[in-house]
Amino acid sequence: MHPRRPRQSRAPTALSPVVLLLVLLLMLLTRPAFAKQEWAPAEPELGKWDWARIDSGEWIKGELIVLQRDTMFFDSDKFDELEVEWKDVLDLRLSKPRVFRRTGNRVDKGMGDLRDGILRVHLADGEVVEIPRIEIVSITYTEELELQHWFVRIGANLAARSGNTDQQDVGGNALIRRDATYTRWENHYNGAFGKVDGTQTTNNHRATTFLDLLVTNHFFVRVPTFEFYKDKFQNIDARYTAGAGVGYEPIDNKFAEYRLTIGAAGQVSQFDGGTQDTDAALLFTSDLSLDLPRDLDLDLKYALQLLVTDIGRTAHSTSAILSFEIWDPIDLDIGAY
């Protein structure tokens, strides 16, 4: 008779792989549920912080300064001022009332939040207006400082040479612009003055002002437009051109702006010696502004005054300015006129 072997328990060996498999399966099944739980800020308190979620999934806290030209300018609590393309903003929670301008020049005022591509504006009377994000043109403060509407750029150049020839050249240019919800007022000036061996060789000045009434996102009416021009060496003592026109802006984003205008004007020219001419003119302008990499800006402008009463005195003017940012308020400009 053989002795009976003791019975061995196989339960722990058999159960361990099963338990492990069940644990792994449970983790795999529950993981997607945890992955879907994305962090989001609490609803904003009145007067506190604005919140924006960008396409990377990150939330930034701070203050929305303005949305214009498809770019959101956001003053971050940690990263100073940021520029974010409007299409890259997924969510927006605003803590202060704003003015929302949309296509068709429709304006709504109130608290706003952007979710799932829809901007909901809570009006003062309790009504909620839903606006597709693609229709939003601008977001501004309800009460803006007048200074925030203005842009000023002033440039000057000086060249001097001495020796066999004494030569001095002085030039200047200026742009003063005011942007509002429905209007754009621009004022331009450029001029040059030069001498060689004490004899004046250059003396011309051009000043232009116009007011654009924004009808739609791309279409505007220019009324009035006015230009003063003087050039001693073209025998033009003073030339005044006043008119009106219409314009179209096919490109308007953070990288480029392009405007075309056409119109009609009356022109009075006073020549050296006291003679004077009065003419009718067709006006055409083309303005292109490019925001290039490495803090470079390029502005190209062309204007045509086609005198229908005297084609031979048709006038063209062209300018190109390439700006290099040296320090926040100071640029180095290379210009041609």
C-alpha atoms as a PDB file:
ATOM      1  CA  MET A   1       0.000   0.000   0.000  1.00  0.00           C
ATOM      2  CA  HIS A   2       1.284   3.381  -0.996  1.00  0.00           C
ATOM      3  CA  PRO A   3       0.879   6.250   1.368  1.00  0.00           C
ATOM      4  CA  ARG A   4      -1.725   8.863   0.270  1.00  0.00           C
ATOM      5  CA  ARG A   5      -0.251  12.106  -0.946  1.00  0.00           C
ATOM      6  CA  PRO A   6      -1.535  15.242   0.731  1.00  0.00           C
ATOM      7  CA  ARG A   7      -4.099  17.151  -1.376  1.00  0.00           C
ATOM      8  CA  GLN A   8      -2.692  20.369  -2.839  1.00  0.00           C
ATOM      9  CA  SER A   9      -4.837  23.484  -3.068  1.00  0.00           C
ATOM     10  CA  ARG A  10      -4.781  24.962  -6.587  1.00  0.00           C
ATOM     11  CA  ALA A  11      -7.349  27.721  -6.018  1.00  0.00           C
ATOM     12  CA  PRO A  12      -4.888  30.589  -5.402  1.00  0.00           C
ATOM     13  CA  THR A  13      -2.885  29.704  -8.539  1.00  0.00           C
ATOM     14  CA  ALA A  14      -6.013  29.516 -10.689  1.00  0.00           C
ATOM     15  CA  LEU A  15      -7.672  32.685  -9.305  1.00  0.00           C
ATOM     16  CA  SER A  16      -4.679  35.039  -9.508  1.00  0.00           C
ATOM     17  CA  PRO A  17      -4.635  35.426 -13.336  1.00  0.00           C
ATOM     18  CA  VAL A  18      -8.410  35.773 -13.399  1.00  0.00           C
ATOM     19  CA  VAL A  19      -8.410  38.525 -10.773  1.00  0.00           C
ATOM     20  CA  LEU A  20      -5.576  40.332 -12.526  1.00  0.00           C
ATOM     21  CA  LEU A  21      -7.407  40.140 -15.846  1.00  0.00           C
ATOM     22  CA  LEU A  22     -10.587  41.514 -14.294  1.00  0.00           C
ATOM     23  CA  VAL A  23      -8.695  44.438 -12.730  1.00  0.00           C
ATOM     24  CA  LEU A  24      -7.037  45.344 -16.037  1.00  0.00           C
ATOM     25  CA  LEU A  25     -10.343  45.093 -17.879  1.00  0.00           C
ATOM     26  CA  LEU A  26     -12.011  47.347 -15.309  1.00  0.00           C
ATOM     27  CA  MET A  27      -9.247  49.942 -15.684  1.00  0.00           C
ATOM     28  CA  LEU A  28      -9.571  49.938 -19.467  1.00  0.00           C
ATOM     29  CA  LEU A  29     -13.340  50.332 -19.299  1.00  0.00           C
ATOM     30  CA  THR A  30     -13.255  53.204 -16.819  1.00  0.00           C
ATOM     31  CA  ARG A  31     -10.319  55.107 -18.334  1.00  0.00           C
ATOM     32  CA  PRO A  32     -12.293  56.814 -21.129  1.00  0.00           C
ATOM     33  CA  ALA A  33     -14.779  58.089 -18.579  1.00  0.00           C
ATOM     34  CA  PHE A  34     -11.980  59.792 -16.634  1.00  0.00           C
ATOM     35  CA  ALA A  35     -10.423  61.150 -19.837  1.00  0.00           C
ATOM     36  CA  LYS A  36     -13.623  62.950 -20.726  1.00  0.00           C
ATOM     37  CA  GLN A  37     -13.663  64.900 -17.464  1.00  0.00           C
ATOM     38  CA  GLU A  38     -11.915  68.117 -18.530  1.00  0.00           C
ATOM     39  CA  TRP A  39     -11.264  70.870 -16.056  1.00  0.00           C
ATOM     40  CA  ALA A  40     -13.233  74.067 -16.508  1.00  0.00           C
ATOM     41  CA  PRO A  41     -13.337  77.243 -14.423  1.00  0.00           C
ATOM     42  CA  ALA A  42     -16.316  78.155 -12.321  1.00  0.00           C
ATOM     43  CA  GLU A  43     -18.798  80.611 -13.761  1.00  0.00           C
ATOM     44  CA  PRO A  44     -17.137  84.058 -13.761  1.00  0.00           C
ATOM     45  CA  GLU A  45     -18.013  86.526 -11.031  1.00  0.00           C
ATOM     46  CA  LEU A  46     -19.027  90.041 -12.035  1.00  0.00           C
ATOM     47  CA  GLY A  47     -15.985  92.295 -12.142  1.00  0.00           C
ATOM     48  CA  LYS A  48     -13.466  89.462 -11.609  1.00  0.00           C
ATOM     49  CA  TRP A  49     -11.574  87.527 -14.299  1.00  0.00           C
ATOM     50  CA  ASP A  50     -12.372  86.629 -17.880  1.00  0.00           C
ATOM     51  CA  TRP A  51     -11.523  83.084 -18.985  1.00  0.00           C
ATOM     52  CA  ALA A  52     -10.618  81.815 -22.451  1.00  0.00           C
ATOM     53  CA  ARG A  53      -9.881  78.264 -23.614  1.00  0.00           C
ATOM     54  CA  ILE A  54      -7.688  77.990 -26.701  1.00  0.00           C
ATOM     55  CA  ASP A  55      -7.324  75.124 -29.172  1.00  0.00           C
ATOM     56  CA  SER A  56      -4.498  73.531 -27.125  1.00  0.00           C
ATOM     57  CA  GLY A  57      -7.073  72.850 -24.411  1.00  0.00           C
ATOM     58  CA  GLU A  58      -5.505  75.336 -21.984  1.00  0.00           C
ATOM     59  CA  TRP A  59      -7.552  77.873 -20.032  1.00  0.00           C
ATOM     60  CA  ILE A  60      -6.087  81.360 -19.608  1.00  0.00           C
ATOM     61  CA  LYS A  61      -7.245  83.814 -16.982  1.00  0.00           C
ATOM     62  CA  GLY A  62      -7.157  87.569 -17.358  1.00  0.00           C
ATOM     63  CA  GLU A  63      -9.045  90.278 -19.219  1.00  0.00           C
ATOM     64  CA  LEU A  64     -10.254  90.433 -22.795  1.00  0.00           C
ATOM     65  CA  ILE A  65      -9.089  93.807 -24.100  1.00  0.00           C
ATOM     66  CA  VAL A  66     -10.646  93.718 -27.558  1.00  0.00           C
ATOM     67  CA  LEU A  67     -11.523  91.402 -30.429  1.00  0.00           C
ATOM     68  CA  GLN A  68     -10.977  92.915 -33.868  1.00  0.00           C
ATOM     69  CA  ARG A  69      -9.807  91.745 -37.282  1.00  0.00           C
ATOM     70  CA  ASP A  70     -10.229  88.094 -36.226  1.00  0.00           C
ATOM     71  CA  THR A  71      -7.664  88.539 -33.421  1.00  0.00           C
ATOM     72  CA  MET A  72      -8.383  88.476 -29.692  1.00  0.00           C
ATOM     73  CA  PHE A  73      -6.138  90.657 -27.530  1.00  0.00           C
ATOM     74  CA  PHE A  74      -6.141  89.134 -24.049  1.00  0.00           C
ATOM     75  CA  ASP A  75      -4.290  90.503 -21.013  1.00  0.00           C
ATOM     76  CA  SER A  76      -3.306  87.296 -19.212  1.00  0.00           C
ATOM     77  CA  ASP A  77      -2.875  87.286 -15.447  1.00  0.00           C
ATOM     78  CA  LYS A  78       0.421  85.360 -15.870  1.00  0.00           C
ATOM     79  CA  PHE A  79       1.672  85.903 -19.443  1.00  0.00           C
ATOM     80  CA  ASP A  80       0.952  89.623 -20.058  1.00  0.00           C
ATOM     81  CA  GLU A  81      -0.813  90.548 -23.326  1.00  0.00           C
ATOM     82  CA  LEU A  82      -1.508  87.699 -25.744  1.00  0.00           C
ATOM     83  CA  GLU A  83      -2.739  87.758 -29.339  1.00  0.00           C
ATOM     84  CA  VAL A  84      -4.907  84.755 -30.212  1.00  0.00           C
ATOM     85  CA  GLU A  85      -6.678  84.109 -33.504  1.00  0.00           C
ATOM     86  CA  TRP A  86     -10.432  84.117 -32.975  1.00  0.00           C
ATOM     87  CA  LYS A  87     -10.799  80.746 -34.698  1.00  0.00           C
ATOM     88  CA  ASP A  88      -8.495  79.216 -32.047  1.00  0.00           C
ATOM     89  CA  VAL A  89     -10.717  80.317 -29.135  1.00  0.00           C
ATOM     90  CA  LEU A  90     -12.922  77.384 -28.130  1.00  0.00           C
ATOM     91  CA  ASP A  91     -14.579  78.802 -25.009  1.00  0.00           C
ATOM     92  CA  LEU A  92     -14.937  82.290 -23.590  1.00  0.00           C
ATOM     93  CA  ARG A  93     -16.401  83.369 -20.231  1.00  0.00           C
ATOM     94  CA  LEU A  94     -16.674  87.135 -19.716  1.00  0.00           C
ATOM     95  CA  SER A  95     -17.076  88.748 -16.320  1.00  0.00           C
ATOM     96  CA  LYS A  96     -18.049  92.233 -17.544  1.00  0.00           C
ATOM     97  CA  PRO A  97     -20.644  93.463 -20.056  1.00  0.00           C
ATOM     98  CA  ARG A  98     -19.275  94.015 -23.556  1.00  0.00           C
ATOM     99  CA  VAL A  99     -20.445  95.351 -26.902  1.00  0.00           C
ATOM    100  CA  PHE A 100     -20.693  92.590 -29.531  1.00  0.00           C
ATOM    101  CA  ARG A 101     -20.754  93.680 -33.176  1.00  0.00           C
ATOM    102  CA  ARG A 102     -21.719  91.087 -35.775  1.00  0.00           C
ATOM    103  CA  THR A 103     -22.204  90.913 -39.502  1.00  0.00           C
ATOM    104  CA  GLY A 104     -24.759  93.312 -40.901  1.00  0.00           C
ATOM    105  CA  ASN A 105     -23.653  95.975 -38.395  1.00  0.00           C
ATOM    106  CA  ARG A 106     -25.918  94.531 -35.713  1.00  0.00           C
ATOM    107  CA  VAL A 107     -24.838  95.313 -32.166  1.00  0.00           C
ATOM    108  CA  ASP A 108     -25.728  93.611 -28.864  1.00  0.00           C
ATOM    109  CA  LYS A 109     -24.656  94.681 -25.377  1.00  0.00           C
ATOM    110  CA  GLY A 110     -24.463  92.468 -22.297  1.00  0.00           C
ATOM    111  CA  MET A 111     -22.679  89.580 -20.625  1.00  0.00           C
ATOM    112  CA  GLY A 112     -21.365  86.924 -22.996  1.00  0.00           C
ATOM    113  CA  ASP A 113     -20.034  83.387 -23.087  1.00  0.00           C
ATOM    114  CA  LEU A 114     -18.846  81.255 -25.998  1.00  0.00           C
ATOM    115  CA  ARG A 115     -19.508  77.500 -25.940  1.00  0.00           C
ATOM    116  CA  ASP A 116     -19.733  74.967 -28.767  1.00  0.00           C
ATOM    117  CA  GLY A 117     -19.259  77.649 -31.419  1.00  0.00           C
ATOM    118  CA  ILE A 118     -22.197  79.762 -30.197  1.00  0.00           C
ATOM    119  CA  LEU A 119     -21.766  83.081 -28.399  1.00  0.00           C
ATOM    120  CA  ARG A 120     -24.630  83.723 -25.988  1.00  0.00           C
ATOM    121  CA  VAL A 121     -25.219  87.346 -25.054  1.00  0.00           C
ATOM    122  CA  HIS A 122     -27.310  87.938 -21.919  1.00  0.00           C
ATOM    123  CA  LEU A 123     -29.059  91.275 -22.430  1.00  0.00           C
ATOM    124  CA  ALA A 124     -30.101  93.613 -19.623  1.00  0.00           C
ATOM    125  CA  ASP A 125     -33.794  92.687 -20.017  1.00  0.00           C
ATOM    126  CA  GLY A 126     -33.020  88.986 -19.484  1.00  0.00           C
ATOM    127  CA  GLU A 127     -33.215  87.965 -23.139  1.00  0.00           C
ATOM    128  CA  VAL A 128     -30.437  85.700 -24.452  1.00  0.00           C
ATOM    129  CA  VAL A 129     -29.199  86.260 -28.004  1.00  0.00           C
ATOM    130  CA  GLU A 130     -27.331  83.379 -29.650  1.00  0.00           C
ATOM    131  CA  ILE A 131     -24.760  84.339 -32.312  1.00  0.00           C
ATOM    132  CA  PRO A 132     -22.627  81.866 -34.322  1.00  0.00           C
ATOM    133  CA  ARG A 133     -18.961  82.600 -33.704  1.00  0.00           C
ATOM    134  CA  ILE A 134     -18.299  83.128 -37.415  1.00  0.00           C
ATOM    135  CA  GLU A 135     -20.646  86.153 -37.366  1.00  0.00           C
ATOM    136  CA  ILE A 136     -18.770  88.003 -34.596  1.00  0.00           C
ATOM    137  CA  VAL A 137     -16.883  91.022 -35.980  1.00  0.00           C
ATOM    138  CA  SER A 138     -15.679  92.704 -32.785  1.00  0.00           C
ATOM    139  CA  ILE A 139     -15.956  92.647 -28.999  1.00  0.00           C
ATOM    140  CA  THR A 140     -15.264  95.889 -27.158  1.00  0.00           C
ATOM    141  CA  TYR A 141     -15.852  97.489 -23.780  1.00  0.00           C
ATOM    142  CA  THR A 142     -19.211  99.138 -23.158  1.00  0.00           C
ATOM    143  CA  GLU A 143     -17.412 102.311 -22.084  1.00  0.00           C
ATOM    144  CA  GLU A 144     -14.062 102.861 -23.762  1.00  0.00           C
ATOM    145  CA  LEU A 145     -11.561 105.622 -23.139  1.00  0.00           C
ATOM    146  CA  GLU A 146     -11.380 107.998 -26.088  1.00  0.00           C
ATOM    147  CA  LEU A 147      -7.619 107.397 -26.253  1.00  0.00           C
ATOM    148  CA  GLN A 148      -8.238 103.728 -27.108  1.00  0.00           C
ATOM    149  CA  HIS A 149      -9.781 104.744 -30.457  1.00  0.00           C
ATOM    150  CA  TRP A 150      -6.686 106.573 -31.706  1.00  0.00           C
ATOM    151  CA  PHE A 151      -3.526 105.448 -33.476  1.00  0.00           C
ATOM    152  CA  VAL A 152      -0.677 107.889 -34.165  1.00  0.00           C
ATOM    153  CA  ARG A 153       2.552 107.356 -36.112  1.00  0.00           C
ATOM    154  CA  ILE A 154       5.032 110.145 -36.801  1.00  0.00           C
ATOM    155  CA  GLY A 155       8.243 109.761 -38.804  1.00  0.00           C
ATOM    156  CA  ALA A 156      11.063 112.107 -39.750  1.00  0.00           C
ATOM    157  CA  ASN A 157      14.345 111.939 -41.656  1.00  0.00           C
ATOM    158  CA  LEU A 158      17.341 114.212 -41.951  1.00  0.00           C
ATOM    159  CA  ALA A 159      20.322 113.947 -44.296  1.00  0.00           C
ATOM    160  CA  ALA A 160      23.246 116.376 -44.462  1.00  0.00           C
ATOM    161  CA  ARG A 161      26.406 116.393 -46.559  1.00  0.00           C
ATOM    162  CA  SER A 162      29.301 118.877 -46.570  1.00  0.00           C
ATOM    163  CA  GLY A 163      32.499 119.192 -48.585  1.00  0.00           C
ATOM    164  CA  ASN A 164      32.602 119.936 -52.296  1.00  0.00           C
ATOM    165  CA  THR A 165      28.808 120.126 -52.093  1.00  0.00           C
ATOM    166  CA  ASP A 166      26.695 121.269 -49.145  1.00  0.00           C
ATOM    167  CA  GLN A 167      23.364 119.471 -49.152  1.00  0.00           C
ATOM    168  CA  GLN A 168      20.558 119.206 -46.606  1.00  0.00           C
ATOM    169  CA  ASP A 169      17.392 117.134 -46.951  1.00  0.00           C
ATOM    170  CA  VAL A 170      14.545 116.993 -44.433  1.00  0.00           C
ATOM    171  CA  GLY A 171      11.427 114.846 -44.713  1.00  0.00           C
ATOM    172  CA  GLY A 172       8.483 113.877 -42.581  1.00  0.00           C
ATOM    173  CA  ASN A 173       5.378 111.711 -42.574  1.00  0.00           C
ATOM    174  CA  ALA A 174       2.488 111.229 -40.190  1.00  0.00           C
ATOM    175  CA  LEU A 175      -0.589 109.053 -39.771  1.00  0.00           C
ATOM    176  CA  ILE A 176      -3.381 109.851 -37.326  1.00  0.00           C
ATOM    177  CA  ARG A 177      -6.318 107.422 -37.319  1.00  0.00           C
ATOM    178  CA  ARG A 178      -9.439 107.007 -35.223  1.00  0.00           C
ATOM    179  CA  ASP A 179     -11.282 103.662 -35.331  1.00  0.00           C
ATOM    180  CA  ALA A 180     -14.811 103.326 -33.985  1.00  0.00           C
ATOM    181  CA  THR A 181     -17.603 100.800 -34.356  1.00  0.00           C
ATOM    182  CA  TYR A 182     -19.016 102.284 -37.556  1.00  0.00           C
ATOM    183  CA  THR A 183     -16.409 104.822 -38.689  1.00  0.00           C
ATOM    184  CA  ARG A 184     -12.730 105.123 -39.581  1.00  0.00           C
ATOM    185  CA  TRP A 185     -11.120 108.573 -39.822  1.00  0.00           C
ATOM    186  CA  GLU A 186      -7.612 108.772 -41.294  1.00  0.00           C
ATOM    187  CA  ASN A 187      -5.242 111.697 -41.729  1.00  0.00           C
ATOM    188  CA  HIS A 188      -1.963 111.415 -43.681  1.00  0.00           C
ATOM    189  CA  TYR A 189       0.905 113.795 -44.298  1.00  0.00           C
ATOM    190  CA  ASN A 190       4.245 113.511 -46.081  1.00  0.00           C
ATOM    191  CA  GLY A 191       6.602 116.229 -47.168  1.00  0.00           C
ATOM    192  CA  ALA A 192      10.175 116.936 -48.204  1.00  0.00           C
ATOM    193  CA  PHE A 193      12.448 119.986 -48.180  1.00  0.00           C
ATOM    194  CA  GLY A 194      15.999 120.132 -49.547  1.00  0.00           C
ATOM    195  CA  LYS A 195      18.836 122.521 -50.397  1.00  0.00           C
ATOM    196  CA  VAL A 196      22.075 122.166 -52.336  1.00  0.00           C
ATOM    197  CA  ASP A 197      24.756 124.843 -51.818  1.00  0.00           C
ATOM    198  CA  GLY A 198      22.133 127.162 -50.388  1.00  0.00           C
ATOM    199  CA  THR A 199      19.747 126.759 -53.332  1.00  0.00           C
ATOM    200  CA  GLN A 200      16.380 125.161 -52.683  1.00  0.00           C
ATOM    201  CA  THR A 201      15.920 121.984 -54.723  1.00  0.00           C
ATOM    202  CA  THR A 202      12.923 120.261 -53.074  1.00  0.00           C
ATOM    203  CA  ASN A 203       9.773 121.636 -51.497  1.00  0.00           C
ATOM    204  CA  ASN A 204       6.597 119.538 -51.588  1.00  0.00           C
ATOM    205  CA  HIS A 205       3.821 118.707 -49.124  1.00  0.00           C
ATOM    206  CA  ARG A 206       0.776 116.446 -49.301  1.00  0.00           C
ATOM    207  CA  ALA A 207      -1.946 116.221 -46.628  1.00  0.00           C
ATOM    208  CA  THR A 208      -4.974 113.945 -46.946  1.00  0.00           C
ATOM    209  CA  THR A 209      -7.999 113.323 -44.745  1.00  0.00           C
ATOM    210  CA  PHE A 210     -11.033 111.068 -45.253  1.00  0.00           C
ATOM    211  CA  LEU A 211     -13.871 109.521 -43.300  1.00  0.00           C
ATOM    212  CA  ASP A 212     -15.064 105.948 -43.961  1.00  0.00           C
ATOM    213  CA  LEU A 213     -18.571 104.916 -42.939  1.00  0.00           C
ATOM    214  CA  LEU A 214     -18.546 101.119 -42.443  1.00  0.00           C
ATOM    215  CA  VAL A 215     -21.688  99.683 -44.012  1.00  0.00           C
ATOM    216  CA  THR A 216     -20.763  95.975 -43.799  1.00  0.00           C
ATOM    217  CA  ASN A 217     -17.660  94.000 -42.826  1.00  0.00           C
ATOM    218  CA  HIS A 218     -16.091  94.692 -46.225  1.00  0.00           C
ATOM    219  CA  PHE A 219     -18.022  97.550 -47.832  1.00  0.00           C
ATOM    220  CA  PHE A 220     -17.732 101.223 -46.825  1.00  0.00           C
ATOM    221  CA  VAL A 221     -18.627 104.681 -48.062  1.00  0.00           C
ATOM    222  CA  ARG A 222     -15.877 107.326 -48.103  1.00  0.00           C
ATOM    223  CA  VAL A 223     -17.373 110.743 -47.517  1.00  0.00           C
ATOM    224  CA  PRO A 224     -15.806 113.179 -47.514  1.00  0.00           C
ATOM    225  CA  THR A 225     -12.253 112.908 -48.813  1.00  0.00           C
ATOM    226  CA  PHE A 226      -9.994 115.937 -49.047  1.00  0.00           C
ATOM    227  CA  GLU A 227      -6.402 116.495 -50.166  1.00  0.00           C
ATOM    228  CA  PHE A 228      -4.053 119.470 -50.156  1.00  0.00           C
ATOM    229  CA  TYR A 229      -0.914 119.341 -52.291  1.00  0.00           C
ATOM    230  CA  LYS A 230       1.893 121.816 -52.929  1.00  0.00           C
ATOM    231  CA  ASP A 231       5.068 121.449 -54.991  1.00  0.00           C
ATOM    232  CA  LYS A 232       7.113 124.519 -55.756  1.00  0.00           C
ATOM    233  CA  PHE A 233       9.130 122.793 -58.484  1.00  0.00           C
ATOM    234  CA  GLN A 234       6.017 121.609 -60.326  1.00  0.00           C
ATOM    235  CA  ASN A 235       4.738 125.200 -60.272  1.00  0.00           C
ATOM    236  CA  ILE A 236       1.833 124.106 -58.025  1.00  0.00           C
ATOM    237  CA  ASP A 237       1.297 126.761 -55.388  1.00  0.00           C
ATOM    238  CA  ALA A 238      -1.743 124.937 -53.961  1.00  0.00           C
ATOM    239  CA  ARG A 239      -4.034 122.173 -55.196  1.00  0.00           C
ATOM    240  CA  TYR A 240      -7.284 121.279 -53.411  1.00  0.00           C
ATOM    241  CA  THR A 241      -9.207 118.073 -54.174  1.00  0.00           C
ATOM    242  CA  ALA A 242     -12.539 117.286 -52.472  1.00  0.00           C
ATOM    243  CA  GLY A 243     -14.843 114.380 -53.234  1.00  0.00           C
ATOM    244  CA  ALA A 244     -16.539 111.157 -52.134  1.00  0.00           C
ATOM    245  CA  GLY A 245     -16.520 107.495 -53.083  1.00  0.00           C
ATOM    246  CA  VAL A 246     -17.138 103.885 -52.136  1.00  0.00           C
ATOM    247  CA  GLY A 247     -14.687 101.230 -51.029  1.00  0.00           C
ATOM    248  CA  TYR A 248     -14.236  97.511 -50.584  1.00  0.00           C
ATOM    249  CA  GLU A 249     -11.932  95.692 -48.164  1.00  0.00           C
ATOM    250  CA  PRO A 250     -11.443  92.112 -49.419  1.00  0.00           C
ATOM    251  CA  ILE A 251      -8.697  91.323 -46.882  1.00  0.00           C
ATOM    252  CA  ASP A 252      -8.808  92.305 -43.213  1.00  0.00           C
ATOM    253  CA  ASN A 253      -7.013  90.082 -40.706  1.00  0.00           C
ATOM    254  CA  LYS A 254      -4.030  90.149 -38.325  1.00  0.00           C
ATOM    255  CA  PHE A 255      -1.562  89.558 -41.193  1.00  0.00           C
ATOM    256  CA  ALA A 256      -2.862  91.839 -43.935  1.00  0.00           C
ATOM    257  CA  GLU A 257      -5.282  94.637 -44.764  1.00  0.00           C
ATOM    258  CA  TYR A 258      -6.192  95.583 -48.306  1.00  0.00           C
ATOM    259  CA  ARG A 259      -8.585  98.360 -49.313  1.00  0.00           C
ATOM    260  CA  LEU A 260      -9.747  99.609 -52.709  1.00  0.00           C
ATOM    261  CA  THR A 261     -11.738 102.803 -53.282  1.00  0.00           C
ATOM    262  CA  ILE A 262     -13.186 104.607 -56.293  1.00  0.00           C
ATOM    263  CA  GLY A 263     -14.890 107.971 -56.360  1.00  0.00           C
ATOM    264  CA  ALA A 264     -15.288 111.392 -57.942  1.00  0.00           C
ATOM    265  CA  ALA A 265     -14.032 114.822 -56.935  1.00  0.00           C
ATOM    266  CA  GLY A 266     -13.689 118.428 -57.889  1.00  0.00           C
ATOM    267  CA  GLN A 267     -10.219 119.970 -58.019  1.00  0.00           C
ATOM    268  CA  VAL A 268      -8.945 123.541 -57.839  1.00  0.00           C
ATOM    269  CA  SER A 269      -5.289 124.185 -58.740  1.00  0.00           C
ATOM    270  CA  GLN A 270      -3.511 127.470 -58.090  1.00  0.00           C
ATOM    271  CA  PHE A 271      -0.234 127.983 -59.936  1.00  0.00           C
ATOM    272  CA  ASP A 272       2.693 130.263 -59.308  1.00  0.00           C
ATOM    273  CA  GLY A 273       1.890 133.531 -61.016  1.00  0.00           C
ATOM    274  CA  GLY A 274      -1.761 133.691 -59.996  1.00  0.00           C
ATOM    275  CA  THR A 275      -3.404 131.438 -62.607  1.00  0.00           C
ATOM    276  CA  GLN A 276      -6.025 128.903 -61.548  1.00  0.00           C
ATOM    277  CA  ASP A 277      -7.723 125.813 -63.029  1.00  0.00           C
ATOM    278  CA  THR A 278     -10.897 124.010 -61.981  1.00  0.00           C
ATOM    279  CA  ASP A 279     -11.297 120.363 -62.984  1.00  0.00           C
ATOM    280  CA  ALA A 280     -13.347 117.222 -62.403  1.00  0.00           C
ATOM    281  CA  ALA A 281     -11.522 114.032 -61.449  1.00  0.00           C
ATOM    282  CA  LEU A 282     -12.047 110.332 -60.938  1.00  0.00           C
ATOM    283  CA  LEU A 283     -10.306 108.988 -57.824  1.00  0.00           C
ATOM    284  CA  PHE A 284      -8.820 105.552 -57.230  1.00  0.00           C
ATOM    285  CA  THR A 285      -6.784 104.361 -54.251  1.00  0.00           C
ATOM    286  CA  SER A 286      -5.171 101.059 -53.258  1.00  0.00           C
ATOM    287  CA  ASP A 287      -3.861 100.495 -49.712  1.00  0.00           C
ATOM    288  CA  LEU A 288      -2.027  97.349 -48.605  1.00  0.00           C
ATOM    289  CA  SER A 289      -0.648  96.818 -45.085  1.00  0.00           C
ATOM    290  CA  LEU A 290       1.318  93.672 -44.213  1.00  0.00           C
ATOM    291  CA  ASP A 291       2.309  92.476 -40.735  1.00  0.00           C
ATOM    292  CA  LEU A 292       5.485  90.527 -41.525  1.00  0.00           C
ATOM    293  CA  PRO A 293       7.540  88.213 -39.267  1.00  0.00           C
ATOM    294  CA  ARG A 294      10.274  89.583 -36.975  1.00  0.00           C
ATOM    295  CA  ASP A 295       8.289  92.732 -36.103  1.00  0.00           C
ATOM    296  CA  LEU A 296       8.315  94.101 -39.658  1.00  0.00           C
ATOM    297  CA  ASP A 297       5.459  96.109 -41.167  1.00  0.00           C
ATOM    298  CA  LEU A 298       5.077  97.090 -44.810  1.00  0.00           C
ATOM    299  CA  ASP A 299       2.628  99.761 -46.001  1.00  0.00           C
ATOM    300  CA  LEU A 300       2.048 100.276 -49.733  1.00  0.00           C
ATOM    301  CA  LYS A 301      -0.224 103.054 -50.987  1.00  0.00           C
ATOM    302  CA  TYR A 302      -1.179 104.167 -54.480  1.00  0.00           C
ATOM    303  CA  ALA A 303      -3.522 107.001 -55.443  1.00  0.00           C
ATOM    304  CA  LEU A 304      -4.709 108.121 -58.891  1.00  0.00           C
ATOM    305  CA  GLN A 305      -6.411 111.408 -59.741  1.00  0.00           C
ATOM    306  CA  LEU A 306      -7.632 111.061 -63.321  1.00  0.00           C
ATOM    307  CA  LEU A 307      -8.637 114.524 -64.556  1.00  0.00           C
ATOM    308  CA  VAL A 308     -11.476 113.976 -66.979  1.00  0.00           C
ATOM    309  CA  THR A 309     -11.302 117.648 -68.050  1.00  0.00           C
ATOM    310  CA  ASP A 310      -7.559 117.586 -68.739  1.00  0.00           C
ATOM    311  CA  ILE A 311      -6.092 114.081 -69.070  1.00  0.00           C
ATOM    312  CA  GLY A 312      -2.584 115.483 -69.471  1.00  0.00           C
ATOM    313  CA  ARG A 313      -2.562 116.689 -65.849  1.00  0.00           C
ATOM    314  CA  THR A 314      -3.550 113.325 -64.377  1.00  0.00           C
ATOM    315  CA  ALA A 315      -1.657 112.790 -61.112  1.00  0.00           C
ATOM    316  CA  HIS A 316      -0.298 109.632 -59.459  1.00  0.00           C
ATOM    317  CA  SER A 317       1.203 109.242 -55.988  1.00  0.00           C
ATOM    318  CA  THR A 318       2.837 106.157 -54.505  1.00  0.00           C
ATOM    319  CA  SER A 319       4.423 105.469 -51.133  1.00  0.00           C
ATOM    320  CA  ALA A 320       6.072 102.459 -49.525  1.00  0.00           C
ATOM    321  CA  ILE A 321       7.195 102.302 -45.887  1.00  0.00           C
ATOM    322  CA  LEU A 322       9.005  99.348 -44.320  1.00  0.00           C
ATOM    323  CA  SER A 323       9.070  99.593 -40.517  1.00  0.00           C
ATOM    324  CA  PHE A 324      11.463  97.786 -38.157  1.00  0.00           C
ATOM    325  CA  GLU A 325      10.488  97.754 -34.488  1.00  0.00           C
ATOM    326  CA  ILE A 326      13.409  99.025 -32.394  1.00  0.00           C
ATOM    327  CA  TRP A 327      11.637  99.625 -29.112  1.00  0.00           C
ATOM    328  CA  ASP A 328       7.931  99.411 -28.318  1.00  0.00           C
ATOM    329  CA  PRO A 329       7.051 103.027 -29.284  1.00  0.00           C
ATOM    330  CA  ILE A 330       9.906 103.555 -31.796  1.00  0.00           C
ATOM    331  CA  ASP A 331      10.305 102.104 -35.299  1.00  0.00           C
ATOM    332  CA  LEU A 332      12.980 102.554 -37.923  1.00  0.00           C
ATOM    333  CA  ASP A 333      11.292 103.348 -41.248  1.00  0.00           C
ATOM    334  CA  ILE A 334      12.639 102.957 -44.755  1.00  0.00           C
ATOM    335  CA  GLY A 335      10.366 104.900 -47.079  1.00  0.00           C
ATOM    336  CA  ALA A 336      10.000 105.759 -50.726  1.00  0.00           C
ATOM    337  CA  TYR A 337       7.620 108.360 -52.167  1.00  0.00           C
END
